[in-house]
Amino acid sequence: MDEQIGKLRWRCRRGMKELDLLVLGYLDHHYPTASAEEQQAFANLLEQQDPLLMAYVVGRETPVDATMARVVGIMRTLLHEADGA
């Protein structure tokens, strides 16, 4: 599992610092206990281009896949928690 998380951590390096923080926040706080389906959805999210991923996170677009949408919802929660801090 550590090697897999290490590879995902590398893939979390995005072109936008805000996305770095959100995807790393999900990876650190939610990924280890997420279902296999949600873990795969997160990995699939990391395949998306930064503008689309940002559109998902800020709510301008919603993923068609329900599991991916759940993961994005968790990331949105992280965004709102960061705004409140």
Protein backbone atom coordinates (compact mmCIF):
# COMPACT_ATOMS: atom_id res chain seq x y z
CA MET A 1 0.00 0.00 0.00
CA ASP A 2 2.89 2.39 0.79
CA GLU A 3 4.32 2.05 -2.71
CA GLN A 4 0.90 2.70 -4.25
CA ILE A 5 0.40 5.80 -2.11
CA GLY A 6 3.89 7.00 -3.04
CA LYS A 7 3.06 6.72 -6.74
CA LEU A 8 -0.25 8.53 -6.20
CA ARG A 9 1.52 11.23 -4.20
CA TRP A 10 3.77 11.85 -7.21
CA ARG A 11 0.72 12.03 -9.49
CA CYS A 12 -0.86 14.56 -7.11
CA ARG A 13 1.73 17.12 -8.19
CA ARG A 14 -0.39 19.41 -10.34
CA GLY A 15 0.17 22.64 -12.20
CA MET A 16 -1.90 24.56 -9.64
CA LYS A 17 -0.93 24.76 -5.98
CA GLU A 18 -4.60 24.77 -4.94
CA LEU A 19 -5.12 21.44 -6.67
CA ASP A 20 -1.95 20.06 -5.10
CA LEU A 21 -3.33 20.82 -1.66
CA LEU A 22 -6.78 19.37 -2.38
CA VAL A 23 -5.67 16.13 -3.96
CA LEU A 24 -2.95 15.62 -1.35
CA GLY A 25 -5.51 16.35 1.37
CA TYR A 26 -7.77 13.64 -0.02
CA LEU A 27 -4.84 11.24 -0.39
CA ASP A 28 -3.65 11.80 3.18
CA HIS A 29 -6.98 11.91 4.99
CA HIS A 30 -9.47 9.84 2.99
CA TYR A 31 -7.73 7.55 0.52
CA PRO A 32 -6.36 4.98 3.04
CA THR A 33 -9.84 4.19 4.37
CA ALA A 34 -11.78 4.64 1.12
CA SER A 35 -13.37 1.70 -0.64
CA ALA A 36 -11.47 0.13 -3.55
CA GLU A 37 -14.03 1.72 -5.89
CA GLU A 38 -13.38 5.19 -4.47
CA GLN A 39 -9.62 4.64 -4.56
CA GLN A 40 -9.88 3.79 -8.26
CA ALA A 41 -12.10 6.83 -8.87
CA PHE A 42 -9.46 9.03 -7.20
CA ALA A 43 -6.75 7.53 -9.41
CA ASN A 44 -8.97 8.23 -12.44
CA LEU A 45 -9.45 11.82 -11.29
CA LEU A 46 -5.70 12.28 -11.30
CA GLU A 47 -5.73 11.44 -15.01
CA GLN A 48 -7.84 14.53 -15.74
CA GLN A 49 -6.38 17.82 -16.92
CA ASP A 50 -6.02 20.53 -14.28
CA PRO A 51 -8.74 22.85 -15.68
CA LEU A 52 -11.34 20.06 -15.65
CA LEU A 53 -10.31 18.87 -12.20
CA MET A 54 -10.57 22.43 -10.90
CA ALA A 55 -14.00 22.80 -12.52
CA TYR A 56 -15.10 19.65 -10.68
CA VAL A 57 -13.77 20.87 -7.34
CA VAL A 58 -15.32 24.33 -7.53
CA GLY A 59 -18.63 22.96 -8.78
CA ARG A 60 -18.69 24.30 -12.33
CA GLU A 61 -18.86 20.74 -13.62
CA THR A 62 -19.80 17.39 -12.12
CA PRO A 63 -18.28 14.05 -13.04
CA VAL A 64 -20.70 11.68 -14.78
CA ASP A 65 -19.40 8.73 -12.76
CA ALA A 66 -21.18 8.59 -9.38
CA THR A 67 -18.16 7.31 -7.46
CA MET A 68 -15.93 9.97 -8.95
CA ALA A 69 -18.57 12.55 -8.01
CA ARG A 70 -18.46 11.28 -4.39
CA VAL A 71 -14.68 11.70 -4.30
CA VAL A 72 -15.01 15.20 -5.73
CA GLY A 73 -17.62 15.94 -3.04
CA ILE A 74 -15.10 14.99 -0.37
CA MET A 75 -12.53 17.22 -2.02
CA ARG A 76 -15.07 20.08 -2.05
CA THR A 77 -15.54 19.54 1.68
CA LEU A 78 -11.79 19.89 2.12
CA LEU A 79 -11.93 23.12 0.13
CA HIS A 80 -14.70 24.52 2.34
CA GLU A 81 -12.87 23.44 5.50
CA ALA A 82 -9.76 25.26 4.27
CA ASP A 83 -11.84 28.40 3.59
CA GLY A 84 -13.22 28.29 7.13
CA ALA A 85 -9.84 27.86 8.76
